[in-house]
Amino acid sequence: MWASLAEGVRLRMMTINLDGLDAGMRQLILLALVGLGAQLVDGSLGMAYGVTSTTLLLAIGTNPAAASATVHLAEIGTTLASGFSHWRFGNVDWKVVAKIGIPGAVGAFAGATFLSSLSTEVAAPIMSVVLLALGLYVLIRFTTFGLPRTNLGKPLRKRFLAPLGLVAGFVDSTGGGGWGPVGTPAILASGRLEPRKTIGSIDTSEFLVAVAASVGFFVGIGNEGVNFSWVLALLAGGLIAAPIAAWLVRHIPPRVLGSAVGGLIVLTNTRTLLRSDWIDASDAVKWPIYAVIWVVWAGALAYSIRQYRANRDVEREDVAAKGETASA
């Protein structure tokens, strides 16, 4: 999916360059639309802004460090708007934000500073295996059993969130995205925080990560290769999408949201593994696998929706009761 997107963008950019004086404006409009779509997905599912935006920038020839720096600069504004919107809709657990966000900022700064001398070609497949396993767990658990109730409302410990934030922040800045894909499934898998608050807290804490990564990139590469008009275009699209995404996550049932997030994690990390040096699969192998994942994912979502409708009142009462217990 991302490969076809990248190729389409590359061809579109080539066409734009031939259109004369309007090329720059068309390019900025395209970037703004990508920023809007990326933030809509990120704000409602807790991941994919960095992956989507960085893929586009790499497709048009930006070097990895500059692409990641551009995305993180735009994310300073989009995550601030997203965090505010999630807070307004009651999707944020501030204790979780503090426990994961500060270590995340440390990891992001370290990753950004050393990006130019580090290779993620070996690390990316290993991380994708871990994330794929988490994604399968989240997809199966939420689809089959719905919102995990046993641990819901129990506090998330600092000894769990701090290392998670450190790793997620480092992966995010070195890979141009990863805060959501690492943080969201790990917290969802714990079963201690309902999906909308997991997503809202991850999105809000990402502001700290974006600021720290941006500072790290300026220390490491200055503003070399960073196009600030691209930053503003991505930011503009993201600002429009942020409140819409926060509203969506408030109204999407937890069971359905968990299935959606799990499927996205599985699809994204399967793609990374198939494209890695470990496998290097051909298109004839990749596309049938993607098709199977899409079919299974669609089936899981359909099943989750049916089960939610059948047990709607019970799930709502249980979530409400757990929320009252946690706040007591």
Protein backbone atom coordinates (compact mmCIF):
# COMPACT_ATOMS: atom_id res chain seq x y z
CA MET A 1 0.00 0.00 0.00
CA TRP A 2 2.70 2.49 1.03
CA ALA A 3 4.87 1.41 -1.91
CA SER A 4 2.13 2.24 -4.38
CA LEU A 5 1.50 5.53 -2.59
CA ALA A 6 5.17 6.46 -2.76
CA GLU A 7 5.40 5.59 -6.46
CA GLY A 8 2.24 7.55 -7.20
CA VAL A 9 3.58 10.58 -5.35
CA ARG A 10 6.93 10.36 -7.15
CA LEU A 11 5.23 10.29 -10.55
CA ARG A 12 2.92 13.10 -9.52
CA MET A 13 5.87 15.24 -8.45
CA MET A 14 7.55 14.62 -11.81
CA THR A 15 4.40 15.80 -13.55
CA ILE A 16 4.14 18.84 -11.31
CA ASN A 17 7.69 19.94 -12.15
CA LEU A 18 6.68 20.23 -15.79
CA ASP A 19 3.74 22.50 -15.13
CA GLY A 20 5.72 25.72 -14.83
CA LEU A 21 5.07 28.46 -12.32
CA ASP A 22 2.26 26.63 -10.49
CA ALA A 23 4.45 23.64 -9.60
CA GLY A 24 5.40 24.87 -6.13
CA MET A 25 1.83 25.65 -5.15
CA ARG A 26 0.53 22.28 -6.38
CA GLN A 27 3.26 20.54 -4.45
CA LEU A 28 2.32 22.36 -1.26
CA ILE A 29 -1.36 21.53 -1.73
CA LEU A 30 -0.48 17.85 -2.17
CA LEU A 31 1.64 17.96 1.00
CA ALA A 32 -1.20 19.62 2.91
CA LEU A 33 -3.61 16.87 1.80
CA VAL A 34 -1.13 14.21 2.90
CA GLY A 35 -0.76 15.99 6.24
CA LEU A 36 -4.53 16.07 6.63
CA GLY A 37 -4.94 12.38 5.83
CA ALA A 38 -1.99 11.34 7.97
CA GLN A 39 -3.24 13.26 11.01
CA LEU A 40 -6.77 11.96 10.54
CA VAL A 41 -5.43 8.40 10.76
CA ASP A 42 -2.92 9.21 13.52
CA GLY A 43 -5.41 11.08 15.70
CA SER A 44 -8.07 8.40 15.44
CA LEU A 45 -5.86 5.28 15.54
CA GLY A 46 -2.83 6.57 17.47
CA MET A 47 -0.25 6.00 14.73
CA ALA A 48 0.85 6.49 11.11
CA TYR A 49 1.43 10.27 10.79
CA GLY A 50 5.19 9.87 10.66
CA VAL A 51 5.08 6.75 8.48
CA THR A 52 2.78 8.38 5.91
CA SER A 53 4.51 11.76 5.77
CA THR A 54 8.06 10.40 5.80
CA THR A 55 7.20 7.96 3.00
CA LEU A 56 6.09 10.89 0.86
CA LEU A 57 9.20 12.95 1.55
CA LEU A 58 11.54 10.05 0.84
CA ALA A 59 9.64 9.36 -2.39
CA ILE A 60 10.43 12.84 -3.70
CA GLY A 61 14.13 12.54 -2.90
CA THR A 62 14.57 13.97 0.62
CA ASN A 63 17.39 12.35 2.61
CA PRO A 64 16.29 10.37 5.69
CA ALA A 65 17.54 12.83 8.32
CA ALA A 66 15.97 15.84 6.60
CA ALA A 67 12.71 13.94 6.01
CA SER A 68 12.45 12.97 9.67
CA ALA A 69 13.36 16.50 10.75
CA THR A 70 10.68 18.00 8.47
CA VAL A 71 8.01 15.63 9.78
CA HIS A 72 8.93 16.24 13.43
CA LEU A 73 8.87 20.00 12.98
CA ALA A 74 5.36 19.73 11.54
CA GLU A 75 4.41 17.40 14.37
CA ILE A 76 5.18 20.05 16.98
CA GLY A 77 2.08 21.88 15.79
CA THR A 78 -0.08 18.88 14.89
CA THR A 79 0.56 17.03 18.17
CA LEU A 80 -0.16 20.18 20.17
CA ALA A 81 -3.48 20.61 18.36
CA SER A 82 -4.23 16.89 18.61
CA GLY A 83 -3.41 16.79 22.32
CA PHE A 84 -5.64 19.78 23.01
CA SER A 85 -8.49 18.23 21.03
CA HIS A 86 -8.14 14.87 22.79
CA TRP A 87 -8.10 16.65 26.16
CA ARG A 88 -11.27 18.53 25.29
CA PHE A 89 -12.99 15.24 24.42
CA GLY A 90 -11.76 13.52 27.59
CA ASN A 91 -9.37 11.13 25.86
CA VAL A 92 -6.21 11.89 27.89
CA ASP A 93 -4.73 10.25 31.00
CA TRP A 94 -2.19 12.84 32.15
CA LYS A 95 -0.33 10.42 34.41
CA VAL A 96 0.38 8.23 31.41
CA VAL A 97 1.43 11.28 29.37
CA ALA A 98 4.02 12.27 31.99
CA LYS A 99 5.35 8.75 32.60
CA ILE A 100 5.86 7.93 28.92
CA GLY A 101 6.36 11.38 27.37
CA ILE A 102 9.47 12.49 29.29
CA PRO A 103 11.47 9.28 28.64
CA GLY A 104 10.16 9.44 25.07
CA ALA A 105 11.65 12.91 24.66
CA VAL A 106 15.02 11.64 25.90
CA GLY A 107 14.95 8.75 23.44
CA ALA A 108 13.86 11.01 20.58
CA PHE A 109 16.68 13.49 21.20
CA ALA A 110 19.25 10.68 21.30
CA GLY A 111 17.90 9.08 18.15
CA ALA A 112 17.79 12.36 16.22
CA THR A 113 21.32 13.31 17.24
CA PHE A 114 22.83 10.04 16.04
CA LEU A 115 20.62 9.37 13.00
CA SER A 116 23.30 10.32 10.49
CA SER A 117 25.67 7.67 11.86
CA LEU A 118 23.14 4.95 12.58
CA SER A 119 21.60 2.41 10.23
CA THR A 120 18.11 1.14 10.94
CA GLU A 121 18.22 -1.44 8.12
CA VAL A 122 18.99 -4.23 10.56
CA ALA A 123 16.99 -2.88 13.50
CA ALA A 124 13.80 -2.21 11.51
CA PRO A 125 13.00 -5.88 10.71
CA ILE A 126 13.64 -6.91 14.33
CA MET A 127 11.34 -4.18 15.61
CA SER A 128 8.74 -5.13 13.01
CA VAL A 129 8.69 -8.73 14.28
CA VAL A 130 7.96 -7.47 17.80
CA LEU A 131 5.31 -5.03 16.58
CA LEU A 132 3.74 -7.67 14.32
CA ALA A 133 3.37 -9.98 17.30
CA LEU A 134 1.80 -7.18 19.35
CA GLY A 135 -0.47 -6.26 16.46
CA LEU A 136 -1.71 -9.83 16.08
CA TYR A 137 -2.32 -10.00 19.82
CA VAL A 138 -4.31 -6.75 19.84
CA LEU A 139 -6.29 -7.72 16.72
CA ILE A 140 -7.20 -11.18 18.03
CA ARG A 141 -7.89 -10.07 21.60
CA PHE A 142 -10.15 -7.14 20.74
CA THR A 143 -11.92 -8.93 17.89
CA THR A 144 -12.56 -12.10 19.85
CA PHE A 145 -13.11 -10.83 23.40
CA GLY A 146 -13.77 -7.12 23.00
CA LEU A 147 -12.42 -4.58 25.49
CA PRO A 148 -10.19 -6.37 28.05
CA ARG A 149 -11.94 -5.83 31.37
CA THR A 150 -9.78 -7.68 33.89
CA ASN A 151 -7.08 -4.99 34.17
CA LEU A 152 -9.08 -1.98 32.96
CA GLY A 153 -8.66 0.94 35.37
CA LYS A 154 -5.50 -0.42 37.01
CA PRO A 155 -2.58 2.06 36.95
CA LEU A 156 0.15 1.73 34.35
CA ARG A 157 3.47 1.52 36.19
CA LYS A 158 6.40 3.82 35.53
CA ARG A 159 8.72 0.83 35.24
CA PHE A 160 6.65 -0.24 32.22
CA LEU A 161 6.02 3.18 30.63
CA ALA A 162 9.51 4.67 31.03
CA PRO A 163 11.44 2.02 29.03
CA LEU A 164 8.59 1.90 26.52
CA GLY A 165 8.80 5.67 26.01
CA LEU A 166 12.60 5.58 25.69
CA VAL A 167 12.51 2.90 22.98
CA ALA A 168 9.52 4.40 21.16
CA GLY A 169 11.08 7.88 21.11
CA PHE A 170 14.38 6.54 19.74
CA VAL A 171 12.64 4.51 17.03
CA ASP A 172 10.42 7.47 16.14
CA SER A 173 13.26 9.89 15.44
CA THR A 174 15.59 7.41 13.71
CA GLY A 175 12.87 5.91 11.54
CA GLY A 176 10.79 9.03 10.80
CA GLY A 177 7.87 7.50 12.69
CA GLY A 178 7.27 4.90 15.35
CA TRP A 179 6.00 6.61 18.50
CA GLY A 180 2.45 5.42 17.88
CA PRO A 181 3.23 2.00 16.38
CA VAL A 182 5.45 1.14 19.38
CA GLY A 183 3.53 2.86 22.19
CA THR A 184 -0.10 2.27 21.21
CA PRO A 185 -0.07 -1.55 20.83
CA ALA A 186 2.04 -2.05 23.97
CA ILE A 187 -0.41 -0.09 26.14
CA LEU A 188 -3.44 -1.65 24.45
CA ALA A 189 -2.01 -5.11 25.04
CA SER A 190 -1.73 -4.39 28.78
CA GLY A 191 -5.52 -4.07 28.94
CA ARG A 192 -5.25 -1.34 31.61
CA LEU A 193 -6.32 1.66 29.56
CA GLU A 194 -9.27 1.79 27.19
CA PRO A 195 -8.42 2.41 23.50
CA ARG A 196 -9.61 6.03 23.23
CA LYS A 197 -7.51 7.08 26.25
CA THR A 198 -4.55 5.06 25.00
CA ILE A 199 -4.69 6.88 21.67
CA GLY A 200 -5.36 10.27 23.24
CA SER A 201 -2.49 9.90 25.72
CA ILE A 202 -0.03 8.67 23.08
CA ASP A 203 -0.96 11.53 20.73
CA THR A 204 -0.64 14.12 23.51
CA SER A 205 2.72 12.86 24.78
CA GLU A 206 4.03 12.88 21.20
CA PHE A 207 4.31 16.67 21.46
CA LEU A 208 7.26 16.22 23.85
CA VAL A 209 8.81 13.69 21.47
CA ALA A 210 8.43 16.00 18.46
CA VAL A 211 10.03 18.95 20.28
CA ALA A 212 12.97 16.86 21.54
CA ALA A 213 13.54 15.23 18.13
CA SER A 214 13.48 18.62 16.38
CA VAL A 215 16.07 20.01 18.80
CA GLY A 216 18.20 16.91 18.25
CA PHE A 217 18.05 17.30 14.47
CA PHE A 218 19.07 20.95 14.66
CA VAL A 219 22.02 19.93 16.82
CA GLY A 220 22.95 17.16 14.39
CA ILE A 221 22.28 18.62 10.91
CA GLY A 222 21.11 22.20 11.46
CA ASN A 223 18.45 23.09 8.91
CA GLU A 224 20.23 21.36 6.01
CA GLY A 225 17.70 19.80 3.64
CA VAL A 226 14.68 21.02 5.62
CA ASN A 227 12.12 22.85 3.47
CA PHE A 228 10.09 25.02 5.84
CA SER A 229 7.31 25.55 3.31
CA TRP A 230 6.83 21.77 3.34
CA VAL A 231 6.73 21.87 7.13
CA LEU A 232 3.97 24.50 7.02
CA ALA A 233 2.00 22.57 4.40
CA LEU A 234 2.07 19.35 6.44
CA LEU A 235 1.19 21.36 9.55
CA ALA A 236 -1.79 23.07 7.89
CA GLY A 237 -3.34 19.76 6.85
CA GLY A 238 -2.72 18.25 10.27
CA LEU A 239 -4.30 21.17 12.13
CA ILE A 240 -7.52 20.75 10.15
CA ALA A 241 -7.69 17.01 10.86
CA ALA A 242 -6.75 17.04 14.58
CA PRO A 243 -10.14 17.96 16.12
CA ILE A 244 -12.01 15.69 13.68
CA ALA A 245 -9.83 12.71 14.65
CA ALA A 246 -10.26 13.41 18.39
CA TRP A 247 -14.03 13.45 17.93
CA LEU A 248 -13.95 10.19 15.97
CA VAL A 249 -11.96 8.31 18.61
CA ARG A 250 -14.46 9.47 21.25
CA HIS A 251 -17.36 7.92 19.35
CA ILE A 252 -15.85 4.77 17.84
CA PRO A 253 -16.60 1.73 20.09
CA PRO A 254 -13.48 0.42 21.92
CA ARG A 255 -13.90 -3.08 20.48
CA VAL A 256 -14.02 -1.76 16.91
CA LEU A 257 -11.17 0.67 17.56
CA GLY A 258 -8.98 -2.10 18.95
CA SER A 259 -9.58 -4.26 15.88
CA ALA A 260 -8.81 -1.31 13.59
CA VAL A 261 -5.54 -0.51 15.36
CA GLY A 262 -4.46 -4.16 15.46
CA GLY A 263 -5.06 -4.59 11.74
CA LEU A 264 -3.12 -1.45 10.92
CA ILE A 265 -0.15 -2.64 12.98
CA VAL A 266 -0.17 -6.05 11.28
CA LEU A 267 -0.39 -4.56 7.78
CA THR A 268 2.32 -1.94 8.34
CA ASN A 269 4.86 -4.29 9.88
CA THR A 270 4.20 -7.13 7.45
CA ARG A 271 5.05 -4.67 4.68
CA THR A 272 8.29 -3.69 6.45
CA LEU A 273 9.35 -7.33 6.81
CA LEU A 274 8.52 -8.26 3.21
CA ARG A 275 10.58 -5.31 1.95
CA SER A 276 13.52 -5.94 4.29
CA ASP A 277 16.80 -7.61 3.34
CA TRP A 278 15.70 -10.59 5.40
CA ILE A 279 12.97 -11.51 2.91
CA ASP A 280 13.07 -9.06 -0.02
CA ALA A 281 9.87 -10.52 -1.45
CA SER A 282 8.83 -9.89 -5.04
CA ASP A 283 5.59 -8.13 -5.95
CA ALA A 284 4.12 -11.49 -6.94
CA VAL A 285 4.54 -12.61 -3.32
CA LYS A 286 3.79 -9.34 -1.52
CA TRP A 287 0.48 -8.39 -3.05
CA PRO A 288 -1.34 -11.71 -2.38
CA ILE A 289 -0.17 -11.47 1.26
CA TYR A 290 -1.46 -7.88 1.48
CA ALA A 291 -4.77 -9.02 -0.02
CA VAL A 292 -5.15 -11.78 2.59
CA ILE A 293 -4.42 -9.30 5.40
CA TRP A 294 -7.00 -6.84 4.03
CA VAL A 295 -9.64 -9.57 3.82
CA VAL A 296 -8.93 -10.84 7.35
CA TRP A 297 -8.84 -7.28 8.69
CA ALA A 298 -12.17 -6.43 7.05
CA GLY A 299 -13.69 -9.61 8.46
CA ALA A 300 -12.39 -8.81 11.94
CA LEU A 301 -13.86 -5.31 11.80
CA ALA A 302 -17.21 -6.63 10.61
CA TYR A 303 -17.27 -9.22 13.41
CA SER A 304 -16.31 -6.59 16.03
CA ILE A 305 -19.10 -4.31 14.86
CA ARG A 306 -21.66 -7.13 15.05
CA GLN A 307 -20.50 -8.18 18.51
CA TYR A 308 -20.48 -4.60 19.75
CA ARG A 309 -24.06 -4.10 18.60
CA ALA A 310 -25.12 -7.34 20.26
CA ASN A 311 -23.47 -6.43 23.58
CA ARG A 312 -23.63 -2.63 23.39
CA ASP A 313 -25.35 -1.94 26.72
CA VAL A 314 -23.19 -4.35 28.72
CA GLU A 315 -19.93 -2.92 27.35
CA ARG A 316 -20.99 0.68 27.94
CA GLU A 317 -22.02 -0.03 31.54
CA ASP A 318 -18.80 -1.92 32.23
CA VAL A 319 -16.58 0.82 30.83
CA ALA A 320 -18.48 3.48 32.78
CA ALA A 321 -18.21 1.49 36.02
CA LYS A 322 -14.48 0.95 35.56
CA GLY A 323 -13.99 4.64 34.83
CA GLU A 324 -15.82 5.63 38.02
CA THR A 325 -13.76 3.15 40.05
CA ALA A 326 -10.51 4.47 38.60
CA SER A 327 -11.37 8.08 39.37
CA ALA A 328 -12.58 7.34 42.89
